[in-house]
Amino acid sequence: MRGLEARASVFGVPRAMMSGGAITIYIDADACPVKQEVYRVAERHGLKVFVVSNSPIAVPPDPLVERVVVAAGMDAADDWIAERAGNGAIVVTQDIPLAARVVKTGGIAIAPNGKPFSESSIGMALATRNLMDSLRSAGEVTGGPKPFAPKDRSAFLQSLEREIVRLKRSGFA
């Protein structure tokens, strides 16, 4: 039975990757500016990366990097990621509702600018997002997010490395 359980998977993702056995990185890839950085860090650590998007995106020819193209539709990529991300998962996303879902299941969510989402910060991030959305719906010009800068890329790399090391020290492979 143990051998059968070890091979059991959900949509091709081994259960060990979903339940704490291995560190897995999920990229919410549509409009993600740090995919190349994730590939380099994951290769150095030997980690599996799922690049999830609504349309085909080029990925390196590496057995540890897997492209997942989900059906077109609102939140299809987010749903795919959220269903699989739990303990041992690192999710790279700018999507605050997705980050909230990941944090709720015990995963780690990091924005491309390096900002980690945590249980203590996700509530405020969601509230701010909802307020800005309401203002935009009412016709207010809010200016949008700041442009992505080299310091954001550096902060992201530091944040990703810190979370991988923290997971490894807590027993994840």
Protein backbone atom coordinates (compact mmCIF):
# COMPACT_ATOMS: atom_id res chain seq x y z
CA MET A 1 0.00 0.00 0.00
CA ARG A 2 2.84 2.43 0.80
CA GLY A 3 4.24 2.14 -2.73
CA LEU A 4 0.81 2.84 -4.17
CA GLU A 5 0.36 5.86 -1.89
CA ALA A 6 3.79 7.20 -2.83
CA ARG A 7 2.82 7.11 -6.49
CA ALA A 8 -0.62 8.60 -5.96
CA SER A 9 -1.08 11.95 -7.61
CA VAL A 10 -3.63 14.62 -8.28
CA PHE A 11 -3.62 15.87 -11.88
CA GLY A 12 -0.08 14.60 -12.33
CA VAL A 13 1.31 16.35 -9.25
CA PRO A 14 2.73 13.83 -6.74
CA ARG A 15 1.01 14.06 -3.38
CA ALA A 16 4.41 14.39 -1.69
CA MET A 17 4.89 17.69 -3.50
CA MET A 18 1.52 18.88 -2.27
CA SER A 19 1.64 17.78 1.35
CA GLY A 20 5.02 18.72 2.72
CA GLY A 21 7.50 16.23 1.25
CA ALA A 22 9.11 18.52 -1.28
CA ILE A 23 9.41 22.22 -1.88
CA THR A 24 7.50 23.17 -5.01
CA ILE A 25 7.33 26.57 -6.69
CA TYR A 26 4.23 27.70 -8.57
CA ILE A 27 4.38 30.75 -10.81
CA ASP A 28 1.20 32.64 -11.63
CA ALA A 29 2.86 33.28 -14.97
CA ASP A 30 0.65 35.69 -16.89
CA ALA A 31 2.53 39.00 -16.60
CA CYS A 32 5.09 37.70 -14.08
CA PRO A 33 8.35 39.66 -14.50
CA VAL A 34 10.58 37.29 -12.47
CA LYS A 35 10.17 33.92 -14.19
CA GLN A 36 13.84 33.73 -15.24
CA GLU A 37 14.95 34.44 -11.68
CA VAL A 38 12.72 31.65 -10.37
CA TYR A 39 14.16 29.21 -12.91
CA ARG A 40 17.73 30.01 -11.85
CA VAL A 41 17.05 29.72 -8.11
CA ALA A 42 15.01 26.52 -8.57
CA GLU A 43 17.76 24.95 -10.66
CA ARG A 44 20.35 25.76 -8.00
CA HIS A 45 18.20 24.11 -5.32
CA GLY A 46 16.85 21.28 -7.51
CA LEU A 47 13.21 22.33 -7.05
CA LYS A 48 10.16 21.56 -9.20
CA VAL A 49 8.54 24.62 -10.82
CA PHE A 50 5.05 24.80 -12.30
CA VAL A 51 4.52 27.73 -14.69
CA VAL A 52 0.75 28.21 -14.80
CA SER A 53 -0.96 30.43 -17.37
CA ASN A 54 -4.00 30.79 -19.60
CA SER A 55 -1.90 30.66 -22.77
CA PRO A 56 1.33 28.87 -23.73
CA ILE A 57 4.46 30.49 -22.30
CA ALA A 58 7.99 29.43 -23.22
CA VAL A 59 9.76 27.57 -20.44
CA PRO A 60 13.31 26.21 -20.27
CA PRO A 61 13.81 22.63 -21.49
CA ASP A 62 14.33 21.33 -17.96
CA PRO A 63 12.57 18.31 -16.44
CA LEU A 64 12.07 20.30 -13.22
CA VAL A 65 10.14 23.06 -15.04
CA GLU A 66 6.65 22.20 -16.19
CA ARG A 67 4.33 24.46 -18.18
CA VAL A 68 0.66 24.17 -17.26
CA VAL A 69 -1.84 25.82 -19.59
CA VAL A 70 -5.28 26.03 -18.01
CA ALA A 71 -8.58 26.72 -19.77
CA ALA A 72 -9.32 30.34 -20.48
CA GLY A 73 -11.52 31.86 -17.88
CA MET A 74 -11.62 34.06 -14.86
CA ASP A 75 -9.28 32.75 -12.15
CA ALA A 76 -8.62 29.36 -13.84
CA ALA A 77 -4.85 29.63 -13.24
CA ASP A 78 -5.45 30.83 -9.68
CA ASP A 79 -7.77 27.90 -8.99
CA TRP A 80 -5.24 25.39 -10.37
CA ILE A 81 -2.50 26.79 -8.16
CA ALA A 82 -4.64 27.17 -5.04
CA GLU A 83 -5.85 23.56 -5.27
CA ARG A 84 -2.25 22.31 -5.11
CA ALA A 85 -0.34 24.82 -2.99
CA GLY A 86 -0.05 23.90 0.66
CA ASN A 87 2.81 23.30 3.10
CA GLY A 88 6.10 23.34 1.22
CA ALA A 89 4.72 25.38 -1.67
CA ILE A 90 5.99 28.78 -2.71
CA VAL A 91 3.68 30.73 -4.99
CA VAL A 92 4.92 33.71 -6.97
CA THR A 93 1.98 35.99 -7.68
CA GLN A 94 0.82 39.59 -7.83
CA ASP A 95 -2.76 38.41 -7.31
CA ILE A 96 -3.72 39.25 -3.72
CA PRO A 97 -6.82 36.99 -3.57
CA LEU A 98 -4.68 34.06 -4.78
CA ALA A 99 -2.02 34.94 -2.19
CA ALA A 100 -4.72 34.89 0.50
CA ARG A 101 -5.87 31.43 -0.58
CA VAL A 102 -2.28 30.14 -0.54
CA VAL A 103 -1.50 31.58 2.89
CA LYS A 104 -4.74 30.11 4.25
CA THR A 105 -3.64 26.60 3.20
CA GLY A 106 -0.18 26.96 4.76
CA GLY A 107 1.74 27.86 1.60
CA ILE A 108 4.05 30.80 1.05
CA ALA A 109 3.10 33.61 -1.32
CA ILE A 110 5.63 36.13 -2.60
CA ALA A 111 4.96 39.07 -4.90
CA PRO A 112 7.40 39.67 -7.78
CA ASN A 113 8.66 42.76 -5.93
CA GLY A 114 9.77 40.50 -3.06
CA LYS A 115 6.96 41.37 -0.68
CA PRO A 116 5.95 38.23 1.22
CA PHE A 117 2.30 37.76 2.07
CA SER A 118 1.68 36.41 5.56
CA GLU A 119 -1.28 35.65 7.78
CA SER A 120 -0.71 38.97 9.54
CA SER A 121 -0.44 41.07 6.37
CA ILE A 122 -2.88 39.43 3.96
CA GLY A 123 -6.01 40.97 5.55
CA MET A 124 -4.73 44.50 5.06
CA ALA A 125 -3.54 43.73 1.52
CA LEU A 126 -7.01 42.38 0.62
CA ALA A 127 -8.75 45.37 2.18
CA THR A 128 -6.51 47.81 0.29
CA ARG A 129 -7.04 45.91 -2.96
CA ASN A 130 -10.82 45.95 -2.49
CA LEU A 131 -10.81 49.67 -1.64
CA MET A 132 -8.76 50.50 -4.75
CA ASP A 133 -11.05 48.32 -6.87
CA SER A 134 -14.09 50.16 -5.51
CA LEU A 135 -12.50 53.53 -6.21
CA ARG A 136 -11.68 52.51 -9.80
CA SER A 137 -15.25 51.23 -10.27
CA ALA A 138 -16.54 54.61 -9.10
CA GLY A 139 -14.45 56.35 -11.76
CA GLU A 140 -11.55 57.45 -9.57
CA VAL A 141 -8.15 57.52 -11.26
CA THR A 142 -5.82 55.68 -8.89
CA GLY A 143 -2.60 55.62 -10.91
CA GLY A 144 -1.98 51.86 -10.79
CA PRO A 145 1.05 50.03 -9.41
CA LYS A 146 4.57 51.42 -9.39
CA PRO A 147 6.76 50.35 -12.33
CA PHE A 148 8.83 47.24 -11.73
CA ALA A 149 12.41 48.28 -10.88
CA PRO A 150 15.79 46.51 -10.52
CA LYS A 151 15.54 46.86 -6.73
CA ASP A 152 12.26 44.89 -6.90
CA ARG A 153 14.03 42.06 -8.73
CA SER A 154 16.77 42.03 -6.09
CA ALA A 155 14.24 42.07 -3.23
CA PHE A 156 12.39 39.18 -4.88
CA LEU A 157 15.54 37.06 -5.18
CA GLN A 158 16.37 37.67 -1.51
CA SER A 159 12.83 36.83 -0.43
CA LEU A 160 12.66 33.64 -2.53
CA GLU A 161 16.05 32.43 -1.28
CA ARG A 162 15.10 33.17 2.34
CA GLU A 163 11.86 31.17 2.07
CA ILE A 164 13.57 28.19 0.41
CA VAL A 165 16.24 28.08 3.12
CA ARG A 166 13.58 28.41 5.84
CA LEU A 167 11.58 25.50 4.35
CA LYS A 168 14.69 23.33 4.04
CA ARG A 169 15.60 23.99 7.67
CA SER A 170 12.09 22.99 8.74
CA GLY A 171 12.44 19.58 7.06
CA PHE A 172 11.24 20.02 3.48
CA ALA A 173 13.38 18.52 0.74
